[in-house]
Protein backbone atom coordinates (compact mmCIF):
# COMPACT_ATOMS: atom_id res chain seq x y z
CA MET A 1 -74.12 -59.87 -9.14
CA LYS A 2 -72.89 -56.23 -9.20
CA ASP A 3 -76.46 -54.71 -9.02
CA ALA A 4 -77.05 -56.52 -5.80
CA PRO A 5 -75.75 -54.05 -3.20
CA ALA A 6 -77.18 -50.99 -4.97
CA LYS A 7 -80.84 -53.09 -5.06
CA GLU A 8 -80.45 -53.72 -1.52
CA ILE A 9 -79.38 -49.98 -0.43
CA LEU A 10 -82.59 -48.75 -2.69
CA ARG A 11 -84.94 -51.56 -1.31
CA LYS A 12 -84.31 -50.50 2.22
CA ASN A 13 -84.22 -46.73 1.71
CA LEU A 14 -87.58 -46.80 -0.06
CA LYS A 15 -89.24 -48.49 3.02
CA LYS A 16 -87.45 -46.34 5.39
CA ALA A 17 -88.71 -43.42 3.72
CA ARG A 18 -92.19 -44.68 3.66
CA LYS A 19 -92.20 -45.53 7.36
CA GLU A 20 -90.44 -42.08 8.35
CA SER A 21 -93.33 -40.49 6.25
CA ASN A 22 -95.85 -42.09 8.40
CA LEU A 23 -97.52 -43.90 5.33
CA SER A 24 -98.92 -47.47 5.03
CA GLN A 25 -97.97 -48.99 1.64
CA MET A 26 -101.47 -48.41 0.31
CA GLU A 27 -101.38 -44.84 1.16
CA ALA A 28 -97.91 -44.28 -0.51
CA ALA A 29 -98.99 -46.16 -3.55
CA GLU A 30 -102.34 -44.26 -3.92
CA LYS A 31 -100.20 -40.98 -3.64
CA ALA A 32 -97.45 -42.37 -6.08
CA GLY A 33 -100.14 -43.46 -8.63
CA ILE A 34 -98.78 -46.89 -8.57
CA SER A 35 -100.42 -50.25 -6.84
CA ARG A 36 -99.60 -51.38 -3.62
CA PRO A 37 -98.07 -54.69 -4.76
CA LEU A 38 -95.93 -52.92 -7.31
CA LEU A 39 -94.69 -50.69 -4.37
CA SER A 40 -94.26 -53.80 -2.58
CA ALA A 41 -92.36 -55.13 -5.14
CA TYR A 42 -90.08 -52.19 -5.11
CA GLU A 43 -89.64 -52.47 -1.35
CA THR A 44 -88.75 -56.35 -1.43
CA GLY A 45 -86.32 -55.69 -4.16
CA ARG A 46 -88.19 -57.99 -6.48
CA ILE A 47 -88.38 -55.07 -8.98
CA ILE A 48 -86.12 -51.95 -9.79
CA PRO A 49 -88.46 -49.00 -10.03
CA PRO A 50 -88.03 -46.82 -13.21
CA LYS A 51 -86.62 -43.04 -12.67
CA ALA A 52 -90.16 -41.87 -13.07
CA SER A 53 -91.55 -43.97 -10.18
CA LEU A 54 -88.71 -43.05 -7.97
CA GLU A 55 -89.03 -39.43 -8.82
CA LYS A 56 -92.69 -39.58 -7.65
CA LEU A 57 -91.90 -41.83 -4.64
CA ALA A 58 -89.12 -39.16 -3.61
CA GLU A 59 -91.73 -36.38 -3.73
CA VAL A 60 -94.54 -38.27 -1.83
CA TYR A 61 -92.01 -39.15 0.72
CA ASN A 62 -90.73 -35.35 0.87
CA THR A 63 -87.08 -36.59 -0.25
CA ASN A 64 -85.14 -36.74 -3.29
CA LEU A 65 -83.71 -39.23 -5.44
CA THR A 66 -80.12 -38.82 -3.77
CA GLN A 67 -81.32 -39.80 -0.66
CA LEU A 68 -83.14 -42.69 -1.92
CA LEU A 69 -80.01 -44.14 -3.66
CA GLU A 70 -77.16 -43.53 -1.33
CA LYS A 71 -76.19 -45.74 1.59
CA GLU A 72 -76.42 -43.51 4.50
CA SER A 73 -76.47 -39.65 3.86
CA MET A 74 -73.86 -37.61 5.56
CA VAL A 75 -76.25 -35.86 7.57
CA SER A 76 -77.25 -39.18 9.16
CA ILE A 77 -73.63 -39.93 9.86
CA TYR A 78 -73.11 -36.43 11.35
CA THR A 79 -76.19 -36.38 13.43
CA ASN A 80 -75.72 -40.32 14.88
CA SER A 81 -72.04 -38.74 15.79
CA LEU A 82 -73.07 -35.76 17.21
CA MET A 83 -75.95 -37.55 19.51
CA LYS A 84 -73.14 -40.06 20.55
CA ASN A 85 -70.58 -37.27 21.69
CA GLN A 86 -73.58 -35.51 23.53
CA LEU A 87 -74.34 -38.94 25.38
CA ASP A 88 -70.75 -39.47 26.21
CA VAL A 89 -70.36 -35.77 27.60
CA SER A 90 -73.57 -36.22 29.57
CA LEU A 91 -72.57 -39.63 31.11
CA LYS A 92 -69.04 -38.20 31.79
CA ALA A 93 -70.55 -35.21 33.64
CA ASP A 94 -73.02 -37.39 35.55
CA SER A 95 -70.02 -39.63 36.52
CA GLU A 96 -68.04 -36.80 37.79
CA GLU A 97 -71.15 -34.97 39.73
CA ASN A 98 -71.79 -38.40 41.28
CA SER A 99 -68.27 -38.80 42.22
CA ASP A 100 -68.17 -35.21 43.65
CA LEU A 101 -71.61 -36.11 45.72
CA LYS A 102 -69.98 -39.36 47.19
CA GLU A 103 -66.87 -37.31 48.61
CA ASP A 104 -68.91 -34.83 50.00
CA PHE A 105 -71.34 -37.53 51.67
CA GLU A 106 -68.11 -39.35 53.24
CA THR A 107 -66.51 -36.45 54.75
């Protein structure tokens, strides 16, 4: 089925956006003007939400349709890459510092 990957991405993004907004399903559903079982059906991929519901949920989650529909935003990719690079540099610096301390201690 061609829609399966897109449906899965949307399902995951809806749940992720709700959790990042620190909202329960009930709270998010009330703010979006839908029922909790309907929101659950959206988050499990049983029902694909209509555009109007997606727009309302995006508003509730303080995001936009593009973020809900895309696999991984470029911001996330950039942020994760930047954090990894910073960690690598930090670990290397710690390793070099420990090496210098070891040399000082041994002499």
